[in-house]
Every structure is written in C-alpha cells, then in structure tokens.
Protein backbone atom coordinates (compact mmCIF):
# COMPACT_ATOMS: atom_id res chain seq x y z
CA MET A 1 73.49 -38.70 30.77
CA THR A 2 76.99 -38.54 32.40
CA ALA A 3 77.14 -37.30 36.33
CA LYS A 4 79.76 -34.96 37.16
CA GLY A 5 81.47 -35.66 39.71
CA GLU A 6 84.56 -34.07 41.55
CA LEU A 7 85.78 -31.39 40.61
CA LEU A 8 89.54 -31.96 39.75
CA TYR A 9 91.05 -29.02 38.58
CA GLU A 10 90.38 -25.70 37.79
CA GLY A 11 92.34 -23.65 35.54
CA LYS A 12 92.03 -19.47 34.40
CA ALA A 13 89.40 -21.15 31.54
CA LYS A 14 88.19 -24.68 32.42
CA LYS A 15 87.45 -26.69 35.04
CA VAL A 16 87.87 -30.25 34.81
CA PHE A 17 85.66 -32.83 36.49
CA ARG A 18 85.42 -36.86 37.29
CA THR A 19 83.04 -38.83 36.34
CA ASP A 20 81.56 -42.54 37.60
CA ASP A 21 83.98 -43.88 34.80
CA PRO A 22 87.60 -43.20 35.62
CA ASP A 23 88.73 -43.05 31.84
CA ARG A 24 86.20 -40.57 31.27
CA TYR A 25 86.08 -36.23 32.30
CA LEU A 26 83.72 -33.69 31.84
CA VAL A 27 85.31 -30.15 30.95
CA GLU A 28 83.05 -27.08 31.67
CA PHE A 29 84.59 -24.06 29.63
CA LYS A 30 84.10 -20.60 31.43
CA ASP A 31 83.84 -17.34 30.73
CA ASP A 32 86.56 -15.80 32.66
CA ALA A 33 89.26 -14.39 31.01
CA THR A 34 92.84 -13.40 31.94
CA ALA A 35 96.19 -12.38 29.98
CA PHE A 36 99.81 -11.45 30.88
CA ASP A 37 99.95 -14.36 33.68
CA GLY A 38 96.36 -13.40 35.24
CA LEU A 39 97.29 -9.68 35.45
CA LYS A 40 94.43 -8.87 33.35
CA LYS A 41 91.31 -10.16 34.15
CA GLY A 42 87.64 -9.90 32.64
CA THR A 43 84.92 -12.04 31.05
CA ILE A 44 84.18 -12.53 27.46
CA ARG A 45 80.21 -13.49 27.21
CA ARG A 46 79.39 -16.73 26.03
CA LYS A 47 83.05 -17.15 25.75
CA GLY A 48 82.38 -21.13 27.39
CA GLU A 49 79.81 -21.98 25.22
CA ILE A 50 81.75 -20.65 22.26
CA ASN A 51 85.17 -21.93 22.87
CA ALA A 52 83.21 -25.60 23.67
CA ARG A 53 81.32 -25.69 20.46
CA LEU A 54 84.82 -24.65 18.66
CA SER A 55 86.40 -27.14 20.26
CA ALA A 56 83.85 -29.76 19.52
CA LEU A 57 84.02 -29.11 15.76
CA PHE A 58 87.86 -28.85 15.24
CA PHE A 59 88.40 -32.21 17.52
CA GLN A 60 85.50 -33.65 15.33
CA MET A 61 87.39 -32.49 12.26
CA LEU A 62 90.84 -33.71 13.33
CA SER A 63 89.64 -36.83 14.44
CA ARG A 64 88.22 -37.80 11.26
CA ARG A 65 91.65 -36.89 9.49
CA GLY A 66 93.78 -39.44 11.60
CA ILE A 67 94.38 -37.39 14.61
CA PRO A 68 93.82 -39.03 17.90
CA THR A 69 91.96 -36.46 20.58
CA HIS A 70 90.73 -36.73 23.95
CA PHE A 71 87.19 -35.97 23.16
CA ILE A 72 84.10 -37.96 23.01
CA GLU A 73 81.48 -35.92 22.69
CA GLN A 74 79.65 -32.53 23.48
CA THR A 75 77.30 -32.80 26.77
CA GLY A 76 75.87 -29.37 27.12
CA PRO A 77 76.63 -25.78 25.83
CA ARG A 78 79.67 -25.31 27.38
CA GLN A 79 80.55 -29.26 28.60
CA LEU A 80 82.63 -31.92 26.53
CA LEU A 81 83.38 -35.19 27.76
CA VAL A 82 86.50 -36.02 27.17
CA ARG A 83 89.10 -39.36 27.47
CA ALA A 84 91.00 -38.22 30.80
CA VAL A 85 94.63 -37.92 30.23
CA GLU A 86 97.72 -36.92 32.11
CA ILE A 87 98.40 -33.74 30.80
CA ILE A 88 102.38 -33.25 29.65
CA PRO A 89 103.32 -30.42 31.02
CA VAL A 90 105.12 -29.14 27.62
CA GLU A 91 103.30 -26.61 25.34
CA VAL A 92 103.78 -27.07 21.33
CA VAL A 93 103.57 -23.68 19.68
CA ALA A 94 103.14 -23.53 15.89
CA ARG A 95 103.59 -20.06 14.13
CA ASN A 96 103.06 -19.47 10.42
CA ILE A 97 103.08 -15.80 10.87
CA VAL A 98 105.20 -13.03 13.06
CA ALA A 99 102.64 -12.10 16.22
CA GLY A 100 102.81 -11.70 19.55
CA SER A 101 106.09 -12.73 21.47
CA LEU A 102 107.56 -13.63 18.61
CA ALA A 103 107.60 -10.24 17.12
CA LYS A 104 109.41 -8.83 20.35
CA ARG A 105 111.57 -11.69 20.19
CA LEU A 106 113.01 -11.46 17.23
CA GLY A 107 112.29 -7.82 16.08
CA LEU A 108 110.26 -8.80 13.35
CA GLU A 109 106.94 -7.19 11.78
CA GLU A 110 103.75 -8.45 13.65
CA GLY A 111 102.47 -10.06 10.02
CA THR A 112 105.39 -11.27 8.40
CA VAL A 113 104.84 -14.53 7.13
CA LEU A 114 107.30 -16.86 8.13
CA LYS A 115 109.02 -18.69 5.03
CA ARG A 116 108.01 -22.07 6.91
CA PRO A 117 106.18 -22.41 9.61
CA VAL A 118 107.93 -22.76 13.31
CA LEU A 119 107.30 -24.94 16.19
CA GLU A 120 108.32 -23.70 19.79
CA PHE A 121 108.27 -25.87 23.14
CA TYR A 122 107.07 -24.19 26.41
CA TYR A 123 106.81 -25.57 30.39
CA LYS A 124 104.03 -25.77 31.46
CA SER A 125 104.73 -23.87 34.62
CA ASP A 126 102.40 -20.91 35.80
CA GLU A 127 105.10 -20.68 38.82
CA LEU A 128 107.86 -19.77 36.20
CA HIS A 129 105.27 -17.78 33.77
CA ASP A 130 105.54 -20.91 31.18
CA PRO A 131 109.31 -20.21 29.87
CA MET A 132 110.20 -21.28 26.21
CA ILE A 133 112.35 -24.85 26.17
CA ASN A 134 113.87 -27.09 23.77
CA ASN A 135 113.71 -30.79 23.34
CA TYR A 136 116.87 -31.04 25.38
CA HIS A 137 115.24 -29.59 28.28
CA ILE A 138 112.48 -31.60 27.91
CA ALA A 139 114.48 -34.45 28.33
CA ALA A 140 116.85 -33.30 31.23
CA LEU A 141 113.50 -32.23 33.46
CA GLU A 142 112.01 -35.58 32.10
CA LEU A 143 109.02 -33.73 30.77
CA ALA A 144 108.22 -36.32 27.89
CA THR A 145 110.52 -38.68 26.21
CA GLU A 146 112.01 -38.33 22.91
CA ALA A 147 109.48 -40.66 21.19
CA GLN A 148 106.74 -38.83 23.07
CA ILE A 149 108.77 -35.20 21.87
CA LYS A 150 108.73 -36.83 18.17
CA GLU A 151 105.22 -37.65 18.07
CA MET A 152 103.87 -34.11 19.37
CA GLU A 153 106.14 -32.50 16.91
CA THR A 154 104.42 -34.85 13.91
CA TYR A 155 100.99 -34.34 14.90
CA ALA A 156 101.59 -30.43 15.31
CA TRP A 157 102.76 -30.49 12.08
CA LYS A 158 99.82 -32.23 10.86
CA VAL A 159 97.30 -30.13 12.99
CA ASN A 160 98.85 -27.16 11.54
CA GLU A 161 98.56 -27.99 8.12
CA LEU A 162 95.28 -29.65 8.61
CA LEU A 163 94.12 -25.91 10.32
CA VAL A 164 95.20 -23.77 7.55
CA GLU A 165 93.75 -25.49 4.88
CA PHE A 166 90.16 -26.22 7.19
CA LEU A 167 90.08 -22.63 7.52
CA ARG A 168 91.16 -21.08 4.28
CA PRO A 169 87.19 -21.32 2.79
CA ALA A 170 86.41 -19.82 5.67
CA ASP A 171 88.41 -16.38 4.61
CA LEU A 172 90.36 -17.30 8.28
CA VAL A 173 94.08 -17.08 8.47
CA LEU A 174 95.78 -19.27 11.28
CA VAL A 175 98.69 -17.29 12.62
CA ASP A 176 99.66 -19.44 15.06
CA PHE A 177 97.93 -21.71 18.26
CA LYS A 178 98.79 -23.61 21.30
CA LEU A 179 98.51 -27.21 21.87
CA GLU A 180 98.68 -29.34 24.43
CA PHE A 181 99.32 -33.47 24.80
CA GLY A 182 98.38 -35.84 26.95
CA LEU A 183 98.59 -39.59 27.96
CA HIS A 184 95.62 -42.29 28.07
CA HIS A 185 96.95 -45.36 28.94
CA GLY A 186 100.61 -44.75 27.21
CA SER A 187 98.83 -43.02 24.28
CA ILE A 188 99.55 -39.35 23.06
CA LEU A 189 96.22 -37.81 22.72
CA LEU A 190 95.59 -33.99 21.73
CA ALA A 191 93.92 -32.75 24.48
CA ASP A 192 92.74 -28.89 26.21
CA GLU A 193 90.79 -26.74 23.49
CA ILE A 194 91.34 -25.33 19.83
CA SER A 195 89.39 -21.75 20.67
CA PRO A 196 90.03 -18.16 20.00
CA ASP A 197 91.52 -18.39 23.19
CA THR A 198 94.48 -20.96 22.33
CA CYS A 199 94.66 -19.94 18.22
CA ARG A 200 95.36 -16.55 16.66
CA PHE A 201 92.39 -16.03 14.20
CA TRP A 202 93.11 -13.10 11.60
CA ASP A 203 90.35 -12.38 9.09
CA GLY A 204 91.96 -13.10 5.44
CA THR A 205 90.34 -9.89 3.47
CA SER A 206 90.62 -6.77 6.15
CA GLY A 207 93.45 -8.37 8.65
CA GLU A 208 91.26 -7.67 11.79
CA LYS A 209 91.87 -10.10 14.57
CA LEU A 210 89.20 -12.65 15.21
CA ASP A 211 90.75 -13.85 18.85
CA LYS A 212 92.12 -13.56 22.18
CA ASP A 213 94.14 -10.18 21.54
CA ARG A 214 91.38 -8.55 21.29
CA PHE A 215 91.49 -8.67 24.94
CA ARG A 216 95.19 -8.75 25.35
CA ARG A 217 94.57 -5.16 23.52
CA ASP A 218 92.08 -3.64 24.59
CA LEU A 219 90.93 -3.13 20.93
CA GLY A 220 87.23 -3.68 21.86
CA GLY A 221 84.42 -6.46 19.98
CA VAL A 222 85.91 -9.23 21.73
CA GLU A 223 82.45 -10.89 21.88
CA ASP A 224 81.41 -10.17 18.16
CA ALA A 225 84.68 -11.48 17.32
CA TYR A 226 84.55 -14.96 19.14
CA GLU A 227 80.80 -15.10 17.78
CA GLU A 228 82.24 -14.68 14.15
CA VAL A 229 85.06 -17.48 14.34
CA LEU A 230 82.04 -19.98 15.61
CA ARG A 231 79.60 -18.42 12.82
CA ARG A 232 82.23 -19.09 10.04
CA VAL A 233 83.38 -22.19 10.78
CA GLU A 234 79.24 -23.56 11.60
CA LYS A 235 79.04 -22.66 8.08
CA LEU A 236 81.79 -23.97 6.41
CA ILE A 237 81.12 -27.41 8.45
CA GLY A 238 77.40 -27.13 7.18
CA GLU A 239 78.42 -26.06 3.96
CA ASN A 240 80.96 -29.67 3.57
CA LEU A 241 78.32 -32.09 5.16
C-alpha cells in the first residue's frame, strides 16, 4: 500500500499528497462544495467518494481508448493514486449544449444544442477568477507551448467524442465539461477529475440536471443526483465487462 506523505496542495475539492515515490501522488477527494468563486460553500454527502469512483471509472475507460491520463489506481473510497504532474494553468472547457455562462455571454437559451461543439480556454487563477483566454494569451503568458495547446485541443475533442458516446446508453447527456492537463516527464496527461463537479450531466429523457448545478442553483436533491450518475455509469460498465 502506498503511504500518504506530505500534503502538497489543498484545493476546493481535493487534497494532493506526496508519496514515497516522487513520481506518484495520492489525491483525496473532499465532500466540500463551493460555487461562484467560493462565495457559496456547503457540503455534499458522499461527494468525495462518488467523484473519486467516477473519476477512476472515466479515466480507465479513456485510457483504454488511447487517452493518456495521470490515473494509476483507486486506493481507497475517496483516494486515487496518480502520476505526479505539473498542472498546466489552462482549463479546457468543451461545450455541446448551451448552459451556464455561455447562455449569459451569448444571449442564447439554455438547452440550445450547438450546431458544432465549442472549445474554450480559461486561465487557471483563483485571484483573477479564471478568466476566459485564447491561444494568443496562452502564448503571451507562456502558459503552454503552441504544440502543447494543439495536443490539449486534440485530446479534448477526443474525450468529448468518447464521453458522449459512452454515456448515451445510460441516458446521460454530456452538456459540457472542464478538463485539466499536466506534464509528467514532459508528456501531457489528462489530470484532475471527471465528475458531476466538472461536468454538466442531464437526464436524456427528462432533461433533469444531475450535476453541481443543483448545488449552485439551490435546486435540491444534490446528493441523489450525484448518486444517480454513479449508479448509471457503474451499471453501464458492468454491462460492458
């Protein structure tokens, strides 16, 4: 069993610990929930366990389909062993359906299906509230090289395609999602997490929101929504073993 070492980083949703292997970290998922740059805070029961499990399942599925990830194995109910990465401070957001900030920015009705998916970049900075940026900003700030930007774009498009197809039999619609990437010995790996915290999942039949928007918008039933996503994904994977 990998020993948990020094706390390296604590964010809003996770803690990252060193291990006795400098190439490996332990990521521990928390039940804490925040929204609107931390102005809204709360707790979602079992969120840490659900997000750890979903992230492990999604990373495994994507790895089998050619996406390099930081995931190694799940070592506890809310703990993942991962490859040590230096996170690239650029968040990549893929959008298939209009929701959240996109509806406000472009004056489009939430739920409008985009004629083609959209990729957006955001500067990962709590102090600046994660502003939206473009390729020119990334180059000017030297956040990533042109080759790294292209590689992240390529992976993001492929992840979107794979997740949409994977989730369809579970009657889950992937509205949009955020990805983070990191460098491991110079190679780009998909990192962070894939969960209802970082994705918008809607029920394909009813349109019911099954993600963090239930917390953001005080819709209630947050815990049940997270549990439902996990239940459907585990059932889907069980049927495909």
